[in-house]
Amino acid sequence: KNGAFVCFHGSWNRAPLKQGGYFVAFIPFG
């Protein structure tokens, strides 16, 4: 309740590391 959901669409430019994102996060709020 009253926490935040964030939609990460995903990266294209994190080379030479792995790409990242592509998930939905939840963040509890005070």
All heavy atoms as atom14 arrays in JSON, in Angstrom:
{
  "sequence": "KNGAFVCFHGSWNRAPLKQGGYFVAFIPFG",
  "atom14_mask": [
    [1, 1, 1, 1, 1, 1, 1, 1, 1, 0, 0, 0, 0, 0],
    [1, 1, 1, 1, 1, 1, 1, 1, 0, 0, 0, 0, 0, 0],
    [1, 1, 1, 1, 0, 0, 0, 0, 0, 0, 0, 0, 0, 0],
    [1, 1, 1, 1, 1, 0, 0, 0, 0, 0, 0, 0, 0, 0],
    [1, 1, 1, 1, 1, 1, 1, 1, 1, 1, 1, 0, 0, 0],
    [1, 1, 1, 1, 1, 1, 1, 0, 0, 0, 0, 0, 0, 0],
    [1, 1, 1, 1, 1, 1, 0, 0, 0, 0, 0, 0, 0, 0],
    [1, 1, 1, 1, 1, 1, 1, 1, 1, 1, 1, 0, 0, 0],
    [1, 1, 1, 1, 1, 1, 1, 1, 1, 1, 0, 0, 0, 0],
    [1, 1, 1, 1, 0, 0, 0, 0, 0, 0, 0, 0, 0, 0],
    [1, 1, 1, 1, 1, 1, 0, 0, 0, 0, 0, 0, 0, 0],
    [1, 1, 1, 1, 1, 1, 1, 1, 1, 1, 1, 1, 1, 1],
    [1, 1, 1, 1, 1, 1, 1, 1, 0, 0, 0, 0, 0, 0],
    [1, 1, 1, 1, 1, 1, 1, 1, 1, 1, 1, 0, 0, 0],
    [1, 1, 1, 1, 1, 0, 0, 0, 0, 0, 0, 0, 0, 0],
    [1, 1, 1, 1, 1, 1, 1, 0, 0, 0, 0, 0, 0, 0],
    [1, 1, 1, 1, 1, 1, 1, 1, 0, 0, 0, 0, 0, 0],
    [1, 1, 1, 1, 1, 1, 1, 1, 1, 0, 0, 0, 0, 0],
    [1, 1, 1, 1, 1, 1, 1, 1, 1, 0, 0, 0, 0, 0],
    [1, 1, 1, 1, 0, 0, 0, 0, 0, 0, 0, 0, 0, 0],
    [1, 1, 1, 1, 0, 0, 0, 0, 0, 0, 0, 0, 0, 0],
    [1, 1, 1, 1, 1, 1, 1, 1, 1, 1, 1, 1, 0, 0],
    [1, 1, 1, 1, 1, 1, 1, 1, 1, 1, 1, 0, 0, 0],
    [1, 1, 1, 1, 1, 1, 1, 0, 0, 0, 0, 0, 0, 0],
    [1, 1, 1, 1, 1, 0, 0, 0, 0, 0, 0, 0, 0, 0],
    [1, 1, 1, 1, 1, 1, 1, 1, 1, 1, 1, 0, 0, 0],
    [1, 1, 1, 1, 1, 1, 1, 1, 0, 0, 0, 0, 0, 0],
    [1, 1, 1, 1, 1, 1, 1, 0, 0, 0, 0, 0, 0, 0],
    [1, 1, 1, 1, 1, 1, 1, 1, 1, 1, 1, 0, 0, 0],
    [1, 1, 1, 1, 0, 0, 0, 0, 0, 0, 0, 0, 0, 0]
  ],
  "atom14_positions": [
    [[0.84, -1.2, 0.0], [0.0, 0.0, 0.0], [0.88, 1.25, 0.0], [1.75, 1.42, 0.84], [-0.92, 0.0, 1.23], [-2.03, 1.04, 1.2], [-3.09, 0.68, 0.16], [-4.31, 1.57, 0.24], [-5.31, 1.06, 1.18], [0.0, 0.0, 0.0], [0.0, 0.0, 0.0], [0.0, 0.0, 0.0], [0.0, 0.0, 0.0], [0.0, 0.0, 0.0]],
    [[0.62, 2.12, -0.98], [1.33, 3.39, -1.18], [2.79, 3.23, -1.6], [3.53, 4.22, -1.67], [1.24, 4.28, 0.07], [-0.18, 4.66, 0.4], [-0.98, 4.94, -0.51], [-0.53, 4.67, 1.67], [0.0, 0.0, 0.0], [0.0, 0.0, 0.0], [0.0, 0.0, 0.0], [0.0, 0.0, 0.0], [0.0, 0.0, 0.0], [0.0, 0.0, 0.0]],
    [[3.21, 1.98, -1.87], [4.54, 1.76, -2.43], [4.53, 2.01, -3.93], [3.48, 2.21, -4.55], [0.0, 0.0, 0.0], [0.0, 0.0, 0.0], [0.0, 0.0, 0.0], [0.0, 0.0, 0.0], [0.0, 0.0, 0.0], [0.0, 0.0, 0.0], [0.0, 0.0, 0.0], [0.0, 0.0, 0.0], [0.0, 0.0, 0.0], [0.0, 0.0, 0.0]],
    [[5.72, 1.99, -4.54], [5.85, 2.33, -5.96], [6.25, 1.12, -6.79], [7.15, 0.36, -6.41], [6.9, 3.43, -6.12], [0.0, 0.0, 0.0], [0.0, 0.0, 0.0], [0.0, 0.0, 0.0], [0.0, 0.0, 0.0], [0.0, 0.0, 0.0], [0.0, 0.0, 0.0], [0.0, 0.0, 0.0], [0.0, 0.0, 0.0], [0.0, 0.0, 0.0]],
    [[5.59, 0.96, -7.92], [6.0, 0.0, -8.94], [6.68, 0.78, -10.07], [6.2, 1.85, -10.46], [4.8, -0.77, -9.49], [4.24, -1.8, -8.54], [3.14, -1.5, -7.75], [4.83, -3.05, -8.44], [2.62, -2.44, -6.88], [4.31, -4.0, -7.56], [3.21, -3.7, -6.77], [0.0, 0.0, 0.0], [0.0, 0.0, 0.0], [0.0, 0.0, 0.0]],
    [[7.78, 0.26, -10.56], [8.52, 0.89, -11.66], [8.73, -0.13, -12.77], [9.15, -1.26, -12.51], [9.89, 1.43, -11.19], [10.67, 2.0, -12.38], [9.7, 2.5, -10.12], [0.0, 0.0, 0.0], [0.0, 0.0, 0.0], [0.0, 0.0, 0.0], [0.0, 0.0, 0.0], [0.0, 0.0, 0.0], [0.0, 0.0, 0.0], [0.0, 0.0, 0.0]],
    [[8.43, 0.26, -13.99], [8.57, -0.59, -15.16], [9.87, -0.24, -15.88], [10.01, 0.88, -16.38], [7.39, -0.37, -16.09], [6.8, -1.83, -16.92], [0.0, 0.0, 0.0], [0.0, 0.0, 0.0], [0.0, 0.0, 0.0], [0.0, 0.0, 0.0], [0.0, 0.0, 0.0], [0.0, 0.0, 0.0], [0.0, 0.0, 0.0], [0.0, 0.0, 0.0]],
    [[10.82, -1.17, -15.93], [12.07, -0.95, -16.64], [11.98, -1.58, -18.02], [11.86, -2.8, -18.15], [13.24, -1.53, -15.86], [13.59, -0.75, -14.62], [13.22, -1.22, -13.37], [14.27, 0.45, -14.71], [13.52, -0.5, -12.22], [14.58, 1.18, -13.56], [14.21, 0.7, -12.32], [0.0, 0.0, 0.0], [0.0, 0.0, 0.0], [0.0, 0.0, 0.0]],
    [[12.07, -0.74, -19.04], [11.9, -1.17, -20.42], [13.1, -1.93, -20.93], [13.0, -2.73, -21.87], [11.65, 0.08, -21.29], [11.05, -0.2, -22.62], [11.42, 0.47, -23.76], [10.1, -1.09, -23.0], [10.72, 0.04, -24.78], [9.92, -0.9, -24.35], [0.0, 0.0, 0.0], [0.0, 0.0, 0.0], [0.0, 0.0, 0.0], [0.0, 0.0, 0.0]],
    [[14.28, -1.71, -20.37], [15.48, -2.44, -20.73], [16.49, -1.62, -21.52], [16.15, -0.66, -22.2], [0.0, 0.0, 0.0], [0.0, 0.0, 0.0], [0.0, 0.0, 0.0], [0.0, 0.0, 0.0], [0.0, 0.0, 0.0], [0.0, 0.0, 0.0], [0.0, 0.0, 0.0], [0.0, 0.0, 0.0], [0.0, 0.0, 0.0], [0.0, 0.0, 0.0]],
    [[17.75, -2.01, -21.41], [18.85, -1.24, -21.99], [19.25, -1.74, -23.36], [18.91, -2.85, -23.78], [20.06, -1.32, -21.06], [20.58, -2.65, -21.04], [0.0, 0.0, 0.0], [0.0, 0.0, 0.0], [0.0, 0.0, 0.0], [0.0, 0.0, 0.0], [0.0, 0.0, 0.0], [0.0, 0.0, 0.0], [0.0, 0.0, 0.0], [0.0, 0.0, 0.0]],
    [[20.04, -0.9, -24.05], [20.64, -1.28, -25.33], [22.13, -0.97, -25.37], [22.84, -1.41, -26.27], [19.94, -0.55, -26.48], [20.04, 0.95, -26.38], [19.14, 1.78, -25.75], [21.05, 1.82, -26.9], [19.55, 3.09, -25.83], [20.72, 3.14, -26.55], [22.22, 1.59, -27.64], [21.52, 4.25, -26.89], [23.01, 2.7, -27.97], [22.65, 4.0, -27.61]],
    [[22.63, -0.21, -24.39], [23.99, 0.34, -24.49], [24.8, 0.14, -23.22], [25.43, 1.06, -22.73], [23.92, 1.82, -24.84], [23.09, 2.63, -23.86], [22.35, 2.08, -23.06], [23.22, 3.93, -23.91], [0.0, 0.0, 0.0], [0.0, 0.0, 0.0], [0.0, 0.0, 0.0], [0.0, 0.0, 0.0], [0.0, 0.0, 0.0], [0.0, 0.0, 0.0]],
    [[24.8, -1.1, -22.7], [25.6, -1.39, -21.51], [26.85, -2.22, -21.83], [27.5, -2.75, -20.93], [24.74, -2.11, -20.47], [23.79, -1.17, -19.75], [22.89, -1.92, -18.76], [23.65, -2.72, -17.81], [24.15, -2.24, -16.68], [23.98, -0.96, -16.35], [24.83, -3.04, -15.87], [0.0, 0.0, 0.0], [0.0, 0.0, 0.0], [0.0, 0.0, 0.0]],
    [[27.19, -2.37, -23.09], [28.4, -3.11, -23.44], [29.62, -2.39, -22.85], [29.64, -1.15, -22.8], [28.53, -3.19, -24.96], [0.0, 0.0, 0.0], [0.0, 0.0, 0.0], [0.0, 0.0, 0.0], [0.0, 0.0, 0.0], [0.0, 0.0, 0.0], [0.0, 0.0, 0.0], [0.0, 0.0, 0.0], [0.0, 0.0, 0.0], [0.0, 0.0, 0.0]],
    [[30.6, -3.15, -22.37], [30.8, -4.6, -22.49], [30.1, -5.42, -21.4], [30.27, -6.63, -21.34], [32.31, -4.74, -22.35], [32.67, -3.66, -21.36], [31.77, -2.49, -21.73], [0.0, 0.0, 0.0], [0.0, 0.0, 0.0], [0.0, 0.0, 0.0], [0.0, 0.0, 0.0], [0.0, 0.0, 0.0], [0.0, 0.0, 0.0], [0.0, 0.0, 0.0]],
    [[29.32, -4.77, -20.54], [28.57, -5.49, -19.52], [27.28, -6.03, -20.12], [26.88, -5.66, -21.23], [28.25, -4.57, -18.34], [29.45, -3.86, -17.69], [28.98, -3.05, -16.49], [30.53, -4.85, -17.29], [0.0, 0.0, 0.0], [0.0, 0.0, 0.0], [0.0, 0.0, 0.0], [0.0, 0.0, 0.0], [0.0, 0.0, 0.0], [0.0, 0.0, 0.0]],
    [[26.62, -6.9, -19.37], [25.34, -7.44, -19.83], [24.29, -6.34, -19.85], [24.32, -5.41, -19.05], [24.88, -8.57, -18.92], [25.77, -9.81, -18.98], [25.27, -10.88, -18.01], [26.17, -12.12, -18.07], [25.7, -13.17, -17.14], [0.0, 0.0, 0.0], [0.0, 0.0, 0.0], [0.0, 0.0, 0.0], [0.0, 0.0, 0.0], [0.0, 0.0, 0.0]],
    [[23.35, -6.48, -20.77], [22.23, -5.54, -20.79], [21.4, -5.74, -19.51], [21.51, -6.77, -18.85], [21.37, -5.75, -22.04], [22.12, -5.56, -23.35], [22.73, -4.18, -23.5], [22.26, -3.22, -22.89], [23.77, -4.08, -24.29], [0.0, 0.0, 0.0], [0.0, 0.0, 0.0], [0.0, 0.0, 0.0], [0.0, 0.0, 0.0], [0.0, 0.0, 0.0]],
    [[20.58, -4.76, -19.17], [19.84, -4.84, -17.92], [18.49, -4.17, -18.01], [18.17, -3.47, -18.97], [0.0, 0.0, 0.0], [0.0, 0.0, 0.0], [0.0, 0.0, 0.0], [0.0, 0.0, 0.0], [0.0, 0.0, 0.0], [0.0, 0.0, 0.0], [0.0, 0.0, 0.0], [0.0, 0.0, 0.0], [0.0, 0.0, 0.0], [0.0, 0.0, 0.0]],
    [[17.69, -4.39, -16.98], [16.32, -3.88, -16.98], [15.37, -5.01, -17.32], [15.53, -6.13, -16.86], [0.0, 0.0, 0.0], [0.0, 0.0, 0.0], [0.0, 0.0, 0.0], [0.0, 0.0, 0.0], [0.0, 0.0, 0.0], [0.0, 0.0, 0.0], [0.0, 0.0, 0.0], [0.0, 0.0, 0.0], [0.0, 0.0, 0.0], [0.0, 0.0, 0.0]],
    [[14.34, -4.73, -18.1], [13.39, -5.74, -18.57], [12.66, -6.42, -17.41], [12.43, -7.63, -17.43], [14.09, -6.79, -19.44], [14.84, -6.23, -20.61], [16.2, -5.91, -20.51], [14.2, -5.99, -21.83], [16.89, -5.36, -21.57], [14.9, -5.45, -22.91], [16.24, -5.14, -22.77], [16.93, -4.61, -23.83], [0.0, 0.0, 0.0], [0.0, 0.0, 0.0]],
    [[12.3, -5.65, -16.39], [11.55, -6.22, -15.27], [10.74, -5.11, -14.6], [10.91, -3.93, -14.89], [12.48, -6.91, -14.27], [13.34, -5.98, -13.44], [13.0, -5.7, -12.12], [14.49, -5.41, -13.97], [13.8, -4.85, -11.35], [15.3, -4.57, -13.2], [14.94, -4.29, -11.89], [0.0, 0.0, 0.0], [0.0, 0.0, 0.0], [0.0, 0.0, 0.0]],
    [[9.84, -5.51, -13.72], [9.06, -4.58, -12.91], [9.56, -4.66, -11.48], [9.66, -5.74, -10.91], [7.55, -4.9, -12.98], [6.76, -3.96, -12.05], [7.03, -4.76, -14.4], [0.0, 0.0, 0.0], [0.0, 0.0, 0.0], [0.0, 0.0, 0.0], [0.0, 0.0, 0.0], [0.0, 0.0, 0.0], [0.0, 0.0, 0.0], [0.0, 0.0, 0.0]],
    [[9.88, -3.5, -10.91], [10.38, -3.43, -9.54], [9.3, -2.91, -8.61], [8.39, -2.19, -9.03], [11.6, -2.51, -9.47], [0.0, 0.0, 0.0], [0.0, 0.0, 0.0], [0.0, 0.0, 0.0], [0.0, 0.0, 0.0], [0.0, 0.0, 0.0], [0.0, 0.0, 0.0], [0.0, 0.0, 0.0], [0.0, 0.0, 0.0], [0.0, 0.0, 0.0]],
    [[9.4, -3.29, -7.34], [8.57, -2.7, -6.3], [9.47, -2.03, -5.28], [10.52, -2.57, -4.9], [7.7, -3.73, -5.59], [7.0, -3.17, -4.38], [5.92, -2.29, -4.55], [7.42, -3.46, -3.09], [5.3, -1.73, -3.45], [6.79, -2.9, -1.99], [5.72, -2.03, -2.17], [0.0, 0.0, 0.0], [0.0, 0.0, 0.0], [0.0, 0.0, 0.0]],
    [[9.05, -0.84, -4.82], [9.82, -0.07, -3.84], [8.89, 0.31, -2.69], [7.92, 1.05, -2.9], [10.4, 1.2, -4.47], [11.27, 0.85, -5.67], [11.21, 2.0, -3.45], [11.41, 1.95, -6.67], [0.0, 0.0, 0.0], [0.0, 0.0, 0.0], [0.0, 0.0, 0.0], [0.0, 0.0, 0.0], [0.0, 0.0, 0.0], [0.0, 0.0, 0.0]],
    [[9.13, -0.19, -1.48], [8.3, 0.21, -0.34], [8.56, 1.67, 0.02], [9.68, 2.17, -0.11], [8.76, -0.73, 0.77], [10.17, -1.08, 0.41], [10.22, -1.11, -1.09], [0.0, 0.0, 0.0], [0.0, 0.0, 0.0], [0.0, 0.0, 0.0], [0.0, 0.0, 0.0], [0.0, 0.0, 0.0], [0.0, 0.0, 0.0], [0.0, 0.0, 0.0]],
    [[7.51, 2.37, 0.43], [7.61, 3.78, 0.78], [7.19, 4.01, 2.22], [6.3, 3.33, 2.75], [6.72, 4.63, -0.14], [7.46, 5.26, -1.28], [8.09, 4.47, -2.22], [7.54, 6.64, -1.41], [8.79, 5.03, -3.29], [8.24, 7.22, -2.46], [8.86, 6.41, -3.41], [0.0, 0.0, 0.0], [0.0, 0.0, 0.0], [0.0, 0.0, 0.0]],
    [[7.83, 4.99, 2.85], [7.46, 5.4, 4.19], [6.52, 6.58, 4.18], [6.2, 7.15, 3.12], [0.0, 0.0, 0.0], [0.0, 0.0, 0.0], [0.0, 0.0, 0.0], [0.0, 0.0, 0.0], [0.0, 0.0, 0.0], [0.0, 0.0, 0.0], [0.0, 0.0, 0.0], [0.0, 0.0, 0.0], [0.0, 0.0, 0.0], [0.0, 0.0, 0.0]]
  ]
}
